[in-house]
Amino acid sequence: MQTRRPLLLLLLAFTLTGHLSAQEYIPLWPKGRMPNSRGLAIKDSIADERIHQVGTPGMYAFFPSKQENKGSAVIICPGGGYGRLAYITGGTQLAKWFNTLGISAFVLIYRLPNSADLVQREIGPLQDAQRAMRVVRSRALEWGIKPEKIGVMGTSAGGHLAALLSTRGDDVSAIRDPLDLTPFAPNFMILVSPVITMGKFAHAGSRKNLLGENPTGELIEKYSLELQVTPKTPPCFLVGAFNDKSVHPSNSLKLYEALLEKGVVTSFHVFPQGGHAIGVGNNLGSTALWIPLCEAWMRETGLIESLQ
């Protein structure tokens, strides 16, 4: 059986068919030092515009021109129910939109909890997200980014990971290297149709993939992020659709109520249409307004401004 090419080569191959522009791929971990790993040789797997297995977690970097750079950055966590990564619709398309606003964007290719290489399944994605934030913040000066204006975005289960990164304070990604001293907390979060709760109204697939078949009550509570919000949680732009049949809109509502209770400034929008397919384009009716609303929010909060 022929060995598959590494993830980087596979993704770059999509440039030949126009699916993905060639971008710099930044591995997250030094060779042999990836935490929570059994040391297995995991092969990268891509099919149907989805990544089904991640051997080398990292980020694809998308930069605006130097003349248009506004100094902010966002790490994008693609969704896929924690069983795959929809890296195009939930990643590269969003990154290119952020570039048009002068914002640097990084599409996170994180380990999936069902990987045989993980020792503790539920912390794998968070370890990669924390490390990604540290990598971007540590290279902020090099990339023309203000270290205090680096946020996280996620769609669907990627929204859960983005909110987890924003609400989880304990360090699960330290490996005793210089990056351990770099803060991993985001300065803002943008969530689209996010998975939030692991209790009532949970997305069953995401809960099973992240926490296993029979999670304990303690795990369910710990990963129900409406219960983890604090006054230190960063400002949030939150959007969803009333007719979302995949992730119940109560997920977003629960989070908004928690943010409101803790005094975290939030812009919350629920549109009649859109289902679970809210994206950069092809949105139905008023759902298309989420794009200019999000841009207006970023301008209102000072995330889009000149470096000068």
C-alpha atoms as a PDB file:
ATOM      1  CA  MET A   1       0.000   0.000   0.000  1.00  0.00           C
ATOM      2  CA  GLN A   2       1.422   3.349  -1.010  1.00  0.00           C
ATOM      3  CA  THR A   3       2.253   5.715   1.891  1.00  0.00           C
ATOM      4  CA  ARG A   4       0.277   8.929   1.820  1.00  0.00           C
ATOM      5  CA  ARG A   5       2.093  12.206   1.499  1.00  0.00           C
ATOM      6  CA  PRO A   6       2.385  14.509   4.504  1.00  0.00           C
ATOM      7  CA  LEU A   7      -0.468  16.913   5.188  1.00  0.00           C
ATOM      8  CA  LEU A   8       1.480  19.886   3.880  1.00  0.00           C
ATOM      9  CA  LEU A   9       2.041  18.343   0.479  1.00  0.00           C
ATOM     10  CA  LEU A  10      -1.514  17.121   0.246  1.00  0.00           C
ATOM     11  CA  LEU A  11      -2.953  20.527   1.008  1.00  0.00           C
ATOM     12  CA  LEU A  12      -0.593  22.301  -1.362  1.00  0.00           C
ATOM     13  CA  ALA A  13      -1.666  19.875  -4.071  1.00  0.00           C
ATOM     14  CA  PHE A  14      -5.112  21.439  -3.924  1.00  0.00           C
ATOM     15  CA  THR A  15      -3.615  24.565  -5.491  1.00  0.00           C
ATOM     16  CA  LEU A  16      -3.560  22.714  -8.812  1.00  0.00           C
ATOM     17  CA  THR A  17      -7.343  22.471  -8.742  1.00  0.00           C
ATOM     18  CA  GLY A  18      -7.958  25.899  -7.289  1.00  0.00           C
ATOM     19  CA  HIS A  19      -9.296  24.659  -3.957  1.00  0.00           C
ATOM     20  CA  LEU A  20      -6.616  26.230  -1.775  1.00  0.00           C
ATOM     21  CA  SER A  21      -3.973  28.877  -2.326  1.00  0.00           C
ATOM     22  CA  ALA A  22      -0.452  27.927  -1.342  1.00  0.00           C
ATOM     23  CA  GLN A  23       0.319  29.432   2.062  1.00  0.00           C
ATOM     24  CA  GLU A  24       3.042  29.049   4.652  1.00  0.00           C
ATOM     25  CA  TYR A  25       2.443  26.053   6.924  1.00  0.00           C
ATOM     26  CA  ILE A  26       3.728  26.532  10.456  1.00  0.00           C
ATOM     27  CA  PRO A  27       4.081  23.375  12.574  1.00  0.00           C
ATOM     28  CA  LEU A  28       3.180  23.947  16.216  1.00  0.00           C
ATOM     29  CA  TRP A  29       5.542  21.623  18.021  1.00  0.00           C
ATOM     30  CA  PRO A  30       9.299  20.980  17.843  1.00  0.00           C
ATOM     31  CA  LYS A  31      10.076  17.535  16.498  1.00  0.00           C
ATOM     32  CA  GLY A  32       9.678  14.892  19.162  1.00  0.00           C
ATOM     33  CA  ARG A  33       8.221  17.300  21.736  1.00  0.00           C
ATOM     34  CA  MET A  34       4.497  17.236  21.015  1.00  0.00           C
ATOM     35  CA  PRO A  35       2.719  16.777  24.342  1.00  0.00           C
ATOM     36  CA  ASN A  36       0.020  14.185  25.041  1.00  0.00           C
ATOM     37  CA  SER A  37       1.454  11.932  22.334  1.00  0.00           C
ATOM     38  CA  ARG A  38       2.130   8.187  22.365  1.00  0.00           C
ATOM     39  CA  GLY A  39       4.779   8.710  19.679  1.00  0.00           C
ATOM     40  CA  LEU A  40       2.810   6.915  16.967  1.00  0.00           C
ATOM     41  CA  ALA A  41       3.418   7.674  13.294  1.00  0.00           C
ATOM     42  CA  ILE A  42      -0.002   9.108  12.417  1.00  0.00           C
ATOM     43  CA  LYS A  43      -0.683   9.625   8.720  1.00  0.00           C
ATOM     44  CA  ASP A  44      -2.472  12.735   7.536  1.00  0.00           C
ATOM     45  CA  SER A  45      -5.740  12.028   5.729  1.00  0.00           C
ATOM     46  CA  ILE A  46      -7.818  14.316   3.483  1.00  0.00           C
ATOM     47  CA  ALA A  47     -11.002  13.484   1.570  1.00  0.00           C
ATOM     48  CA  ASP A  48     -14.010  15.449   0.310  1.00  0.00           C
ATOM     49  CA  GLU A  49     -12.539  18.800   1.393  1.00  0.00           C
ATOM     50  CA  ARG A  50     -12.238  17.522   4.966  1.00  0.00           C
ATOM     51  CA  ILE A  51      -9.201  16.597   7.031  1.00  0.00           C
ATOM     52  CA  HIS A  52      -9.975  13.315   8.785  1.00  0.00           C
ATOM     53  CA  GLN A  53      -6.680  12.716  10.573  1.00  0.00           C
ATOM     54  CA  VAL A  54      -3.903  15.091  11.622  1.00  0.00           C
ATOM     55  CA  GLY A  55      -0.360  13.891  12.092  1.00  0.00           C
ATOM     56  CA  THR A  56       1.411  17.247  12.121  1.00  0.00           C
ATOM     57  CA  PRO A  57      -0.706  19.948  13.802  1.00  0.00           C
ATOM     58  CA  GLY A  58       0.036  23.443  12.592  1.00  0.00           C
ATOM     59  CA  MET A  59      -1.338  26.604  11.006  1.00  0.00           C
ATOM     60  CA  TYR A  60      -1.711  28.008   7.530  1.00  0.00           C
ATOM     61  CA  ALA A  61      -0.785  31.695   7.589  1.00  0.00           C
ATOM     62  CA  PHE A  62      -2.698  34.236   5.497  1.00  0.00           C
ATOM     63  CA  PHE A  63      -1.286  37.770   5.536  1.00  0.00           C
ATOM     64  CA  PRO A  64      -2.658  41.015   4.084  1.00  0.00           C
ATOM     65  CA  SER A  65      -0.314  43.318   2.218  1.00  0.00           C
ATOM     66  CA  LYS A  66       1.948  45.475   4.377  1.00  0.00           C
ATOM     67  CA  GLN A  67       0.128  48.577   3.134  1.00  0.00           C
ATOM     68  CA  GLU A  68      -3.263  47.200   4.257  1.00  0.00           C
ATOM     69  CA  ASN A  69      -2.159  45.542   7.486  1.00  0.00           C
ATOM     70  CA  LYS A  70      -4.274  46.826  10.410  1.00  0.00           C
ATOM     71  CA  GLY A  71      -2.269  45.098  13.114  1.00  0.00           C
ATOM     72  CA  SER A  72      -4.852  42.559  14.299  1.00  0.00           C
ATOM     73  CA  ALA A  73      -4.832  38.786  13.847  1.00  0.00           C
ATOM     74  CA  VAL A  74      -7.217  35.879  14.286  1.00  0.00           C
ATOM     75  CA  ILE A  75      -6.653  32.150  14.673  1.00  0.00           C
ATOM     76  CA  ILE A  76      -9.451  30.228  12.928  1.00  0.00           C
ATOM     77  CA  CYS A  77     -10.589  26.852  14.271  1.00  0.00           C
ATOM     78  CA  PRO A  78     -12.457  24.889  11.563  1.00  0.00           C
ATOM     79  CA  GLY A  79     -15.489  22.859  12.583  1.00  0.00           C
ATOM     80  CA  GLY A  80     -16.372  19.265  11.858  1.00  0.00           C
ATOM     81  CA  GLY A  81     -17.830  17.799  15.020  1.00  0.00           C
ATOM     82  CA  TYR A  82     -14.371  17.035  16.431  1.00  0.00           C
ATOM     83  CA  GLY A  83     -14.279  14.163  13.956  1.00  0.00           C
ATOM     84  CA  ARG A  84     -12.908  16.033  10.939  1.00  0.00           C
ATOM     85  CA  LEU A  85     -11.872  19.556   9.916  1.00  0.00           C
ATOM     86  CA  ALA A  86     -13.857  21.525   7.320  1.00  0.00           C
ATOM     87  CA  TYR A  87     -10.722  23.497   6.540  1.00  0.00           C
ATOM     88  CA  ILE A  88     -12.059  25.287   3.433  1.00  0.00           C
ATOM     89  CA  THR A  89     -15.537  26.583   4.338  1.00  0.00           C
ATOM     90  CA  GLY A  90     -14.596  26.873   8.008  1.00  0.00           C
ATOM     91  CA  GLY A  91     -11.016  27.982   7.451  1.00  0.00           C
ATOM     92  CA  THR A  92      -9.390  29.272   4.286  1.00  0.00           C
ATOM     93  CA  GLN A  93     -12.451  31.121   2.968  1.00  0.00           C
ATOM     94  CA  LEU A  94     -12.754  32.989   6.249  1.00  0.00           C
ATOM     95  CA  ALA A  95      -9.018  33.705   6.314  1.00  0.00           C
ATOM     96  CA  LYS A  96      -9.161  35.337   2.893  1.00  0.00           C
ATOM     97  CA  TRP A  97     -12.088  37.490   4.020  1.00  0.00           C
ATOM     98  CA  PHE A  98     -10.118  38.663   7.062  1.00  0.00           C
ATOM     99  CA  ASN A  99      -7.237  39.567   4.750  1.00  0.00           C
ATOM    100  CA  THR A 100      -9.534  41.925   2.803  1.00  0.00           C
ATOM    101  CA  LEU A 101     -10.032  43.782   6.104  1.00  0.00           C
ATOM    102  CA  GLY A 102      -6.292  44.031   6.683  1.00  0.00           C
ATOM    103  CA  ILE A 103      -6.304  41.310   9.353  1.00  0.00           C
ATOM    104  CA  SER A 104      -3.773  38.481   9.463  1.00  0.00           C
ATOM    105  CA  ALA A 105      -5.401  35.062   9.736  1.00  0.00           C
ATOM    106  CA  PHE A 106      -4.153  31.613  10.705  1.00  0.00           C
ATOM    107  CA  VAL A 107      -6.133  28.456   9.928  1.00  0.00           C
ATOM    108  CA  LEU A 108      -5.488  26.003  12.744  1.00  0.00           C
ATOM    109  CA  ILE A 109      -5.056  22.338  11.827  1.00  0.00           C
ATOM    110  CA  TYR A 110      -5.546  20.769  15.250  1.00  0.00           C
ATOM    111  CA  ARG A 111      -5.396  17.170  16.415  1.00  0.00           C
ATOM    112  CA  LEU A 112      -8.722  15.388  16.537  1.00  0.00           C
ATOM    113  CA  PRO A 113      -9.744  13.678  19.794  1.00  0.00           C
ATOM    114  CA  ASN A 114     -10.214  10.286  18.126  1.00  0.00           C
ATOM    115  CA  SER A 115      -6.522  10.109  17.190  1.00  0.00           C
ATOM    116  CA  ALA A 116      -4.923   6.891  18.412  1.00  0.00           C
ATOM    117  CA  ASP A 117      -1.827   8.898  19.282  1.00  0.00           C
ATOM    118  CA  LEU A 118      -3.488  10.966  22.016  1.00  0.00           C
ATOM    119  CA  VAL A 119      -3.009   9.870  25.610  1.00  0.00           C
ATOM    120  CA  GLN A 120      -5.855  12.100  26.873  1.00  0.00           C
ATOM    121  CA  ARG A 121      -8.343  12.718  24.080  1.00  0.00           C
ATOM    122  CA  GLU A 122     -10.215  15.807  25.284  1.00  0.00           C
ATOM    123  CA  ILE A 123      -7.197  18.074  25.816  1.00  0.00           C
ATOM    124  CA  GLY A 124      -5.517  17.451  22.444  1.00  0.00           C
ATOM    125  CA  PRO A 125      -7.330  20.188  20.472  1.00  0.00           C
ATOM    126  CA  LEU A 126      -6.911  22.703  23.312  1.00  0.00           C
ATOM    127  CA  GLN A 127      -3.183  22.011  23.553  1.00  0.00           C
ATOM    128  CA  ASP A 128      -2.815  22.838  19.874  1.00  0.00           C
ATOM    129  CA  ALA A 129      -4.960  25.977  20.190  1.00  0.00           C
ATOM    130  CA  GLN A 130      -2.973  27.278  23.163  1.00  0.00           C
ATOM    131  CA  ARG A 131       0.292  26.603  21.371  1.00  0.00           C
ATOM    132  CA  ALA A 132      -0.989  28.322  18.202  1.00  0.00           C
ATOM    133  CA  MET A 133      -1.820  31.459  20.165  1.00  0.00           C
ATOM    134  CA  ARG A 134       1.636  31.423  21.729  1.00  0.00           C
ATOM    135  CA  VAL A 135       3.327  31.010  18.346  1.00  0.00           C
ATOM    136  CA  VAL A 136       1.425  33.917  16.788  1.00  0.00           C
ATOM    137  CA  ARG A 137       1.919  36.208  19.784  1.00  0.00           C
ATOM    138  CA  SER A 138       5.631  35.390  19.992  1.00  0.00           C
ATOM    139  CA  ARG A 139       6.095  36.374  16.326  1.00  0.00           C
ATOM    140  CA  ALA A 140       3.772  39.381  16.406  1.00  0.00           C
ATOM    141  CA  LEU A 141       6.502  41.957  15.814  1.00  0.00           C
ATOM    142  CA  GLU A 142       7.879  39.980  12.874  1.00  0.00           C
ATOM    143  CA  TRP A 143       4.434  39.788  11.261  1.00  0.00           C
ATOM    144  CA  GLY A 144       3.292  43.353  11.981  1.00  0.00           C
ATOM    145  CA  ILE A 145       0.716  42.254  14.553  1.00  0.00           C
ATOM    146  CA  LYS A 146      -0.098  43.895  17.867  1.00  0.00           C
ATOM    147  CA  PRO A 147       0.202  41.184  20.546  1.00  0.00           C
ATOM    148  CA  GLU A 148      -2.802  42.598  22.406  1.00  0.00           C
ATOM    149  CA  LYS A 149      -5.043  42.285  19.328  1.00  0.00           C
ATOM    150  CA  ILE A 150      -4.940  38.568  18.601  1.00  0.00           C
ATOM    151  CA  GLY A 151      -8.244  36.728  18.746  1.00  0.00           C
ATOM    152  CA  VAL A 152      -9.785  33.392  17.919  1.00  0.00           C
ATOM    153  CA  MET A 153     -12.651  32.384  15.650  1.00  0.00           C
ATOM    154  CA  GLY A 154     -14.504  29.117  15.338  1.00  0.00           C
ATOM    155  CA  THR A 155     -17.453  27.615  13.502  1.00  0.00           C
ATOM    156  CA  SER A 156     -19.533  24.723  14.855  1.00  0.00           C
ATOM    157  CA  ALA A 157     -17.238  22.450  16.913  1.00  0.00           C
ATOM    158  CA  GLY A 158     -14.438  24.849  16.036  1.00  0.00           C
ATOM    159  CA  GLY A 159     -16.526  27.405  17.915  1.00  0.00           C
ATOM    160  CA  HIS A 160     -16.384  25.137  20.948  1.00  0.00           C
ATOM    161  CA  LEU A 161     -12.599  25.007  20.698  1.00  0.00           C
ATOM    162  CA  ALA A 162     -12.407  28.799  20.267  1.00  0.00           C
ATOM    163  CA  ALA A 163     -14.633  29.342  23.306  1.00  0.00           C
ATOM    164  CA  LEU A 164     -12.683  26.706  25.245  1.00  0.00           C
ATOM    165  CA  LEU A 165      -9.453  28.573  24.550  1.00  0.00           C
ATOM    166  CA  SER A 166     -11.159  31.788  25.688  1.00  0.00           C
ATOM    167  CA  THR A 167     -12.546  30.405  28.957  1.00  0.00           C
ATOM    168  CA  ARG A 168      -9.959  27.822  30.054  1.00  0.00           C
ATOM    169  CA  GLY A 169      -7.233  29.366  32.190  1.00  0.00           C
ATOM    170  CA  ASP A 170      -5.061  26.367  33.032  1.00  0.00           C
ATOM    171  CA  ASP A 171      -2.004  25.735  30.907  1.00  0.00           C
ATOM    172  CA  VAL A 172      -2.152  22.333  29.189  1.00  0.00           C
ATOM    173  CA  SER A 173       0.408  23.076  26.463  1.00  0.00           C
ATOM    174  CA  ALA A 174       3.642  23.877  28.298  1.00  0.00           C
ATOM    175  CA  ILE A 175       6.637  21.843  27.113  1.00  0.00           C
ATOM    176  CA  ARG A 176       9.445  23.661  28.959  1.00  0.00           C
ATOM    177  CA  ASP A 177      10.548  25.828  26.073  1.00  0.00           C
ATOM    178  CA  PRO A 178      10.669  29.650  25.760  1.00  0.00           C
ATOM    179  CA  LEU A 179       7.106  29.845  24.397  1.00  0.00           C
ATOM    180  CA  ASP A 180       5.774  28.684  27.774  1.00  0.00           C
ATOM    181  CA  LEU A 181       6.230  32.277  28.965  1.00  0.00           C
ATOM    182  CA  THR A 182       4.002  33.684  26.196  1.00  0.00           C
ATOM    183  CA  PRO A 183       0.324  34.215  27.173  1.00  0.00           C
ATOM    184  CA  PHE A 184      -2.195  32.049  25.324  1.00  0.00           C
ATOM    185  CA  ALA A 185      -5.421  33.881  26.192  1.00  0.00           C
ATOM    186  CA  PRO A 186      -7.199  35.441  23.162  1.00  0.00           C
ATOM    187  CA  ASN A 187      -8.092  39.130  23.151  1.00  0.00           C
ATOM    188  CA  PHE A 188     -11.442  38.549  21.403  1.00  0.00           C
ATOM    189  CA  MET A 189     -13.545  35.723  20.008  1.00  0.00           C
ATOM    190  CA  ILE A 190     -15.834  35.355  17.008  1.00  0.00           C
ATOM    191  CA  LEU A 191     -18.188  32.370  17.114  1.00  0.00           C
ATOM    192  CA  VAL A 192     -20.420  31.175  14.265  1.00  0.00           C
ATOM    193  CA  SER A 193     -23.069  28.515  15.025  1.00  0.00           C
ATOM    194  CA  PRO A 194     -20.893  27.246  17.867  1.00  0.00           C
ATOM    195  CA  VAL A 195     -21.141  24.064  19.867  1.00  0.00           C
ATOM    196  CA  ILE A 196     -21.112  25.273  23.481  1.00  0.00           C
ATOM    197  CA  THR A 197     -22.794  22.921  25.912  1.00  0.00           C
ATOM    198  CA  MET A 198     -22.125  19.249  26.595  1.00  0.00           C
ATOM    199  CA  GLY A 199     -25.335  18.865  28.603  1.00  0.00           C
ATOM    200  CA  LYS A 200     -28.890  19.446  27.391  1.00  0.00           C
ATOM    201  CA  PHE A 201     -28.919  20.662  23.746  1.00  0.00           C
ATOM    202  CA  ALA A 202     -25.419  19.243  23.205  1.00  0.00           C
ATOM    203  CA  HIS A 203     -24.369  18.294  19.700  1.00  0.00           C
ATOM    204  CA  ALA A 204     -24.193  14.522  20.189  1.00  0.00           C
ATOM    205  CA  GLY A 205     -21.401  13.894  17.694  1.00  0.00           C
ATOM    206  CA  SER A 206     -19.137  16.578  19.117  1.00  0.00           C
ATOM    207  CA  ARG A 207     -19.692  15.362  22.668  1.00  0.00           C
ATOM    208  CA  LYS A 208     -18.979  11.737  21.758  1.00  0.00           C
ATOM    209  CA  ASN A 209     -15.871  12.574  19.727  1.00  0.00           C
ATOM    210  CA  LEU A 210     -14.446  14.944  22.338  1.00  0.00           C
ATOM    211  CA  LEU A 211     -15.396  13.248  25.607  1.00  0.00           C
ATOM    212  CA  GLY A 212     -15.936   9.627  24.617  1.00  0.00           C
ATOM    213  CA  GLU A 213     -18.924   7.293  24.740  1.00  0.00           C
ATOM    214  CA  ASN A 214     -19.819   7.699  28.415  1.00  0.00           C
ATOM    215  CA  PRO A 215     -18.336  10.919  29.808  1.00  0.00           C
ATOM    216  CA  THR A 216     -18.496  11.594  33.519  1.00  0.00           C
ATOM    217  CA  GLY A 217     -20.643  14.374  34.916  1.00  0.00           C
ATOM    218  CA  GLU A 218     -17.441  16.210  35.810  1.00  0.00           C
ATOM    219  CA  LEU A 219     -16.225  16.150  32.191  1.00  0.00           C
ATOM    220  CA  ILE A 220     -19.617  17.255  30.875  1.00  0.00           C
ATOM    221  CA  GLU A 221     -19.623  20.228  33.248  1.00  0.00           C
ATOM    222  CA  LYS A 222     -15.989  21.131  32.526  1.00  0.00           C
ATOM    223  CA  TYR A 223     -16.583  21.221  28.774  1.00  0.00           C
ATOM    224  CA  SER A 224     -19.986  22.944  28.937  1.00  0.00           C
ATOM    225  CA  LEU A 225     -18.554  26.346  28.279  1.00  0.00           C
ATOM    226  CA  GLU A 226     -21.563  28.368  29.380  1.00  0.00           C
ATOM    227  CA  LEU A 227     -20.489  27.242  32.866  1.00  0.00           C
ATOM    228  CA  GLN A 228     -16.877  28.363  32.419  1.00  0.00           C
ATOM    229  CA  VAL A 229     -17.373  32.044  31.547  1.00  0.00           C
ATOM    230  CA  THR A 230     -15.732  34.560  33.899  1.00  0.00           C
ATOM    231  CA  PRO A 231     -15.428  38.368  33.880  1.00  0.00           C
ATOM    232  CA  LYS A 232     -12.008  37.848  32.248  1.00  0.00           C
ATOM    233  CA  THR A 233     -13.514  36.104  29.203  1.00  0.00           C
ATOM    234  CA  PRO A 234     -12.730  38.274  26.136  1.00  0.00           C
ATOM    235  CA  PRO A 235     -15.332  40.267  24.151  1.00  0.00           C
ATOM    236  CA  CYS A 236     -17.394  38.142  21.802  1.00  0.00           C
ATOM    237  CA  PHE A 237     -19.156  38.387  18.443  1.00  0.00           C
ATOM    238  CA  LEU A 238     -21.715  35.589  18.346  1.00  0.00           C
ATOM    239  CA  VAL A 239     -23.915  34.617  15.406  1.00  0.00           C
ATOM    240  CA  GLY A 240     -26.266  31.749  14.570  1.00  0.00           C
ATOM    241  CA  ALA A 241     -29.488  30.782  12.810  1.00  0.00           C
ATOM    242  CA  PHE A 242     -32.928  30.050  14.233  1.00  0.00           C
ATOM    243  CA  ASN A 243     -33.329  27.117  11.836  1.00  0.00           C
ATOM    244  CA  ASP A 244     -30.027  25.397  12.656  1.00  0.00           C
ATOM    245  CA  LYS A 245     -30.950  21.693  12.754  1.00  0.00           C
ATOM    246  CA  SER A 246     -27.420  20.445  13.532  1.00  0.00           C
ATOM    247  CA  VAL A 247     -26.370  22.514  16.549  1.00  0.00           C
ATOM    248  CA  HIS A 248     -29.354  23.710  18.571  1.00  0.00           C
ATOM    249  CA  PRO A 249     -29.491  27.542  18.770  1.00  0.00           C
ATOM    250  CA  SER A 250     -29.767  27.177  22.544  1.00  0.00           C
ATOM    251  CA  ASN A 251     -26.009  26.636  22.520  1.00  0.00           C
ATOM    252  CA  SER A 252     -25.467  30.246  21.491  1.00  0.00           C
ATOM    253  CA  LEU A 253     -28.219  31.481  23.798  1.00  0.00           C
ATOM    254  CA  LYS A 254     -26.705  29.731  26.816  1.00  0.00           C
ATOM    255  CA  LEU A 255     -23.337  31.301  26.104  1.00  0.00           C
ATOM    256  CA  TYR A 256     -24.821  34.760  25.596  1.00  0.00           C
ATOM    257  CA  GLU A 257     -26.678  34.561  28.898  1.00  0.00           C
ATOM    258  CA  ALA A 258     -23.458  33.566  30.660  1.00  0.00           C
ATOM    259  CA  LEU A 259     -21.495  36.382  29.006  1.00  0.00           C
ATOM    260  CA  LEU A 260     -24.230  38.855  29.921  1.00  0.00           C
ATOM    261  CA  GLU A 261     -24.268  37.678  33.528  1.00  0.00           C
ATOM    262  CA  LYS A 262     -20.482  38.094  33.822  1.00  0.00           C
ATOM    263  CA  GLY A 263     -20.459  41.507  32.151  1.00  0.00           C
ATOM    264  CA  VAL A 264     -18.547  40.421  29.033  1.00  0.00           C
ATOM    265  CA  VAL A 265     -19.322  42.751  26.120  1.00  0.00           C
ATOM    266  CA  THR A 266     -21.025  40.707  23.408  1.00  0.00           C
ATOM    267  CA  SER A 267     -22.628  41.327  20.016  1.00  0.00           C
ATOM    268  CA  PHE A 268     -25.219  38.546  19.603  1.00  0.00           C
ATOM    269  CA  HIS A 269     -27.196  37.883  16.398  1.00  0.00           C
ATOM    270  CA  VAL A 270     -29.655  35.119  15.494  1.00  0.00           C
ATOM    271  CA  PHE A 271     -31.014  35.131  11.930  1.00  0.00           C
ATOM    272  CA  PRO A 272     -34.162  33.318  10.707  1.00  0.00           C
ATOM    273  CA  GLN A 273     -32.351  31.410   7.965  1.00  0.00           C
ATOM    274  CA  GLY A 274     -28.884  30.021   7.425  1.00  0.00           C
ATOM    275  CA  GLY A 275     -29.190  26.604   9.059  1.00  0.00           C
ATOM    276  CA  HIS A 276     -25.778  25.254   9.968  1.00  0.00           C
ATOM    277  CA  ALA A 277     -24.141  26.631   6.835  1.00  0.00           C
ATOM    278  CA  ILE A 278     -23.430  30.274   7.696  1.00  0.00           C
ATOM    279  CA  GLY A 279     -20.273  31.264   5.867  1.00  0.00           C
ATOM    280  CA  VAL A 280     -18.624  33.994   3.851  1.00  0.00           C
ATOM    281  CA  GLY A 281     -21.019  33.692   0.915  1.00  0.00           C
ATOM    282  CA  ASN A 282     -24.282  32.106  -0.261  1.00  0.00           C
ATOM    283  CA  ASN A 283     -26.139  33.093   2.917  1.00  0.00           C
ATOM    284  CA  LEU A 284     -29.917  33.311   2.703  1.00  0.00           C
ATOM    285  CA  GLY A 285     -31.876  36.495   3.352  1.00  0.00           C
ATOM    286  CA  SER A 286     -30.780  38.653   6.254  1.00  0.00           C
ATOM    287  CA  THR A 287     -28.168  36.086   7.293  1.00  0.00           C
ATOM    288  CA  ALA A 288     -25.802  37.754   4.814  1.00  0.00           C
ATOM    289  CA  LEU A 289     -25.726  40.735   7.158  1.00  0.00           C
ATOM    290  CA  TRP A 290     -23.468  38.894   9.605  1.00  0.00           C
ATOM    291  CA  ILE A 291     -20.441  39.807   7.486  1.00  0.00           C
ATOM    292  CA  PRO A 292     -20.864  43.626   7.613  1.00  0.00           C
ATOM    293  CA  LEU A 293     -22.039  43.385  11.234  1.00  0.00           C
ATOM    294  CA  CYS A 294     -18.899  41.523  12.218  1.00  0.00           C
ATOM    295  CA  GLU A 295     -16.730  44.032  10.363  1.00  0.00           C
ATOM    296  CA  ALA A 296     -18.548  46.907  12.081  1.00  0.00           C
ATOM    297  CA  TRP A 297     -17.998  45.224  15.457  1.00  0.00           C
ATOM    298  CA  MET A 298     -14.282  44.869  14.784  1.00  0.00           C
ATOM    299  CA  ARG A 299     -14.075  48.543  13.855  1.00  0.00           C
ATOM    300  CA  GLU A 300     -16.158  49.536  16.876  1.00  0.00           C
ATOM    301  CA  THR A 301     -13.857  47.634  19.224  1.00  0.00           C
ATOM    302  CA  GLY A 302     -10.696  49.037  17.627  1.00  0.00           C
ATOM    303  CA  LEU A 303      -9.541  45.752  16.098  1.00  0.00           C
ATOM    304  CA  ILE A 304      -9.326  47.293  12.631  1.00  0.00           C
ATOM    305  CA  GLU A 305      -7.100  50.315  12.744  1.00  0.00           C
ATOM    306  CA  SER A 306      -3.894  51.550  11.214  1.00  0.00           C
ATOM    307  CA  LEU A 307      -0.541  50.543  12.637  1.00  0.00           C
ATOM    308  CA  GLN A 308       0.461  54.197  12.401  1.00  0.00           C
END
